Protein backbone atom coordinates (compact mmCIF):
# COMPACT_ATOMS: atom_id res chain seq x y z
CA UNK A 1 189.65 133.92 190.04
CA UNK A 2 189.80 135.62 193.43
CA UNK A 3 190.91 138.87 191.83
CA UNK A 4 187.93 138.83 189.49
CA UNK A 5 185.33 138.22 192.18
CA UNK A 6 186.83 139.93 195.22
CA UNK A 7 188.53 143.01 193.76
CA UNK A 8 186.91 146.21 195.11
CA UNK A 9 188.56 148.10 192.25
CA UNK A 10 186.09 146.30 189.95
CA UNK A 11 183.24 147.81 191.99
CA UNK A 12 184.79 151.25 191.54
CA UNK A 13 184.99 150.61 187.78
CA UNK A 14 181.30 149.54 187.72
CA UNK A 15 180.31 152.72 189.59
CA UNK A 16 182.34 154.84 187.17
CA UNK A 17 180.68 153.26 184.12
CA UNK A 18 177.22 153.69 185.66
CA UNK A 19 178.00 157.33 186.43
CA UNK A 20 179.22 158.00 182.89
CA UNK A 21 176.16 156.33 181.39
CA UNK A 22 173.77 158.16 183.74
CA UNK A 23 175.28 161.53 182.81
CA UNK A 24 175.09 160.49 179.15
CA UNK A 25 178.81 161.00 178.68
CA UNK A 26 178.94 157.64 176.94
CA UNK A 27 176.27 155.82 175.00
CA UNK A 28 175.46 152.58 176.86
CA UNK A 29 174.86 150.53 173.72
CA UNK A 30 178.31 151.17 172.23
CA UNK A 31 180.39 151.64 175.38
CA UNK A 32 181.91 148.16 175.39
CA UNK A 33 182.64 148.08 171.67
CA UNK A 34 184.79 151.21 171.49
CA UNK A 35 186.92 151.08 174.60
CA UNK A 36 189.01 148.53 176.39
CA UNK A 37 186.83 146.92 179.01
CA UNK A 38 187.21 149.28 181.96
CA UNK A 39 186.86 146.37 184.36
CA UNK A 40 190.16 144.97 183.08
CA UNK A 41 191.89 148.02 184.53
CA UNK A 42 190.93 146.83 188.01
CA UNK A 43 193.38 143.94 187.61
CA UNK A 44 196.30 146.15 186.50
CA UNK A 45 197.78 146.68 189.99
CA UNK A 46 197.89 142.90 190.45
CA UNK A 47 199.43 142.33 187.03
CA UNK A 48 202.05 145.01 187.71
CA UNK A 49 202.97 143.41 191.04
CA UNK A 50 203.40 140.02 189.35
CA UNK A 51 205.63 141.54 186.66
CA UNK A 52 207.75 143.34 189.26
CA UNK A 53 208.05 140.17 191.34
CA UNK A 54 209.12 138.05 188.36
CA UNK A 55 211.57 140.78 187.31
CA UNK A 56 213.21 140.50 190.71
CA UNK A 57 212.39 144.02 191.89
CA UNK A 58 212.69 144.20 195.66
CA UNK A 59 212.31 146.91 198.28
CA UNK A 60 210.10 148.41 200.96
CA UNK A 61 207.63 149.95 198.50
CA UNK A 62 207.18 146.64 196.69
CA UNK A 63 206.59 144.80 199.99
CA UNK A 64 204.00 147.36 201.12
CA UNK A 65 202.28 147.34 197.73
CA UNK A 66 202.12 143.54 197.87
CA UNK A 67 200.65 143.69 201.35
CA UNK A 68 197.99 146.21 200.33
CA UNK A 69 197.07 144.20 197.21
CA UNK A 70 196.83 141.04 199.29
CA UNK A 71 194.54 142.65 201.88
CA UNK A 72 192.21 144.54 199.48
CA UNK A 73 190.13 141.45 198.49
CA UNK A 74 189.23 140.98 202.16
CA UNK A 75 186.59 143.67 201.54
CA UNK A 76 184.93 141.30 199.05
CA UNK A 77 185.05 138.41 201.53
CA UNK A 78 183.47 140.58 204.24
CA UNK A 79 180.75 141.65 201.78
CA UNK A 80 180.06 137.99 200.97
CA UNK A 81 179.78 137.11 204.66
CA UNK A 82 177.38 140.00 205.40
CA UNK A 83 175.15 139.31 202.38
CA UNK A 84 175.26 135.51 202.40
CA UNK A 85 171.51 134.93 202.02
CA UNK A 86 171.22 137.02 198.86
CA UNK A 87 171.07 135.46 195.38
CA UNK A 88 174.32 134.48 193.66
CA UNK A 89 176.46 134.72 196.80
CA UNK A 90 177.52 131.09 196.34
CA UNK A 91 179.61 132.31 193.37
CA UNK A 92 181.98 133.86 195.91
CA UNK A 93 182.73 130.65 197.84
CA UNK A 94 185.51 129.22 195.66
CA UNK A 95 187.21 132.61 195.11
CA UNK A 96 187.03 133.22 198.88
CA UNK A 97 188.65 129.87 199.63
CA UNK A 98 191.39 130.55 197.07
CA UNK A 99 191.90 133.99 198.58
CA UNK A 100 192.22 132.49 202.07
CA UNK A 101 194.81 129.99 200.81
CA UNK A 102 196.78 132.73 199.04
CA UNK A 103 196.68 134.89 202.17
CA UNK A 104 198.07 132.10 204.33
CA UNK A 105 200.81 131.47 201.77
CA UNK A 106 201.54 135.23 201.55
CA UNK A 107 201.92 135.79 205.27
CA UNK A 108 203.55 132.45 206.13
CA UNK A 109 206.07 131.96 203.36
CA UNK A 110 207.19 128.40 203.95
CA UNK A 111 210.48 127.14 202.50
CA UNK A 112 208.63 124.37 200.66
CA UNK A 113 206.27 126.88 199.07
CA UNK A 114 209.23 129.04 198.09
CA UNK A 115 210.90 126.04 196.45
CA UNK A 116 207.70 125.17 194.55
CA UNK A 117 207.32 128.80 193.54
CA UNK A 118 210.81 128.87 192.05
CA UNK A 119 210.15 125.61 190.21
CA UNK A 120 206.82 126.95 188.90
CA UNK A 121 208.51 130.19 187.84
CA UNK A 122 211.07 128.20 185.85
CA UNK A 123 208.25 126.29 184.13
CA UNK A 124 206.63 129.62 183.18
CA UNK A 125 209.93 130.81 181.73
CA UNK A 126 210.12 127.62 179.65
CA UNK A 127 206.53 128.19 178.50
CA UNK A 128 207.46 131.76 177.59
CA UNK A 129 210.09 130.40 175.20
CA UNK A 130 207.32 128.91 173.05
CA UNK A 131 204.69 131.58 173.72
CA UNK A 132 204.64 133.01 170.21
CA UNK A 133 204.17 129.57 168.69
CA UNK A 134 201.40 128.90 171.20
CA UNK A 135 199.78 132.21 170.33
CA UNK A 136 199.88 131.43 166.60
CA UNK A 137 198.76 127.80 166.74
CA UNK A 138 196.22 127.59 169.59
CA UNK A 139 193.26 129.13 167.76
CA UNK A 140 193.34 126.89 164.64
CA UNK A 141 193.56 123.86 166.93
CA UNK A 142 190.65 125.19 169.01
CA UNK A 143 188.56 125.64 165.85
CA UNK A 144 189.31 122.05 164.84
CA UNK A 145 188.32 120.82 168.29
CA UNK A 146 184.94 122.54 167.99
CA UNK A 147 184.31 120.50 164.84
CA UNK A 148 184.66 117.21 166.77
CA UNK A 149 181.36 116.45 168.47
CA UNK A 150 182.40 113.03 169.81
CA UNK A 151 183.94 114.61 172.88
CA UNK A 152 181.05 116.88 173.81
CA UNK A 153 178.37 116.77 176.43
CA UNK A 154 179.71 115.69 179.81
CA UNK A 155 182.29 116.79 182.33
CA UNK A 156 184.41 113.72 181.60
CA UNK A 157 184.49 114.30 177.86
CA UNK A 158 185.21 118.00 178.43
CA UNK A 159 188.13 117.07 180.70
CA UNK A 160 189.52 114.63 178.14
CA UNK A 161 189.09 117.22 175.41
CA UNK A 162 190.83 119.91 177.50
CA UNK A 163 193.83 117.69 178.28
CA UNK A 164 194.21 116.56 174.66
CA UNK A 165 193.87 120.16 173.48
CA UNK A 166 196.54 121.42 175.89
CA UNK A 167 198.97 118.65 175.01
CA UNK A 168 198.39 119.10 171.27
CA UNK A 169 198.67 122.92 171.43
CA UNK A 170 201.87 122.79 173.50
CA UNK A 171 203.41 120.14 171.24
CA UNK A 172 202.48 122.07 168.10
CA UNK A 173 203.82 125.32 169.59
CA UNK A 174 207.09 123.61 170.53
CA UNK A 175 207.41 122.14 167.03
CA UNK A 176 206.62 125.49 165.44
CA UNK A 177 209.05 127.52 167.60
CA UNK A 178 211.90 125.08 168.11
CA UNK A 179 211.88 122.89 164.99
CA UNK A 180 210.04 124.48 162.07
CA UNK A 181 211.02 128.13 162.63
CA UNK A 182 214.81 127.44 162.84
CA UNK A 183 214.54 125.18 159.77
CA UNK A 184 212.78 127.94 157.78
CA UNK A 185 215.21 130.55 159.06
CA UNK A 186 218.15 128.41 157.96
CA UNK A 187 216.62 127.90 154.49
CA UNK A 188 215.79 131.58 153.96
CA UNK A 189 218.97 133.09 155.40
CA UNK A 190 221.80 133.77 152.97
CA UNK A 191 224.67 131.37 153.42
CA UNK A 192 227.77 132.87 155.12
CA UNK A 193 230.13 131.84 152.28
CA UNK A 194 228.46 134.11 149.69
């Protein structure tokens, strides 16, 4: 969330799109339909740093890159502070608070945080083991959930719906990847004694 709101690279991407449209190098009406959203590229340095961190890549360059990527959103926070009275600035409050928390955790890496980080990383690895099943099954379940109107309308019903959806999608993905897929594979594979 902080990356989306406080990333100056997104501003650069906006300026680039405006420049291309102003010079009529791209047609504004079809720009978004024919190209990957250019604003997604602004998050690539952050995604790359996460991948390198999870892969266990270490070194001086990685530490400096992490430092630079952690400090860059401060430009967005300073912009928010200077333009506080303008419309829609309240949208930056929660991302700014999350950024402040992440900055404290980045610069003061506590042992407890490190332990939680390792535990969280292991949970993500476990989730990755059923990721294909989750990818396949989540959308049909989501479509079914949109058909149920009993849990619509309030924050409480949305929360209940979200929790039930997550549990059901994860359970279905686990069943698909760990139970059904091996069963099908066993049935379709030629037996070793033939």
